[in-house]
Amino acid sequence: MHNYKALKSASKVSVQKVKVVDNPAVEAVAEVRDSDGVITTHSVSARAERSHEELQVVCKCYDAQTGEAKDDSVRAYSLSEVKREIDRRKSEIARAQAEQAEWEQLETDLKAL
């Protein structure tokens, strides 16, 4: 995430773990009494709630012209996604350091002339 450390220091970004309900729980219902006292039978099977936890980054958003607060921007991340990005950046750094070493060697050779 671009500028995360600076945004965090300025309290403009935060992280949170949120429970997301995919399917709410349903209790089994055998009969229902309506307002007239009439009982009707319904067959609704019980179902357990299905949910998962989500890791989120919440960014404060403001209108650039008025400075008024807008709805926060929320993005979900997985730890595997973050790890993949870290590994990609490390690979980019290693590649850049190798290229730098090549250029430094060329500079040394040219200065020796």
Foldseek 3Di string as FASTA:
>chain_A
DPPVVVCVVVVQKDKDKDKAWPAAWDDFFQWDQDPVRDIDGDGDHTDHIDIDIWIKMWGWDADPVPRHTDHIDIDTDDPVRVVVVVVVVVVVVVVVVVVVVVVVVVVVVVVVD
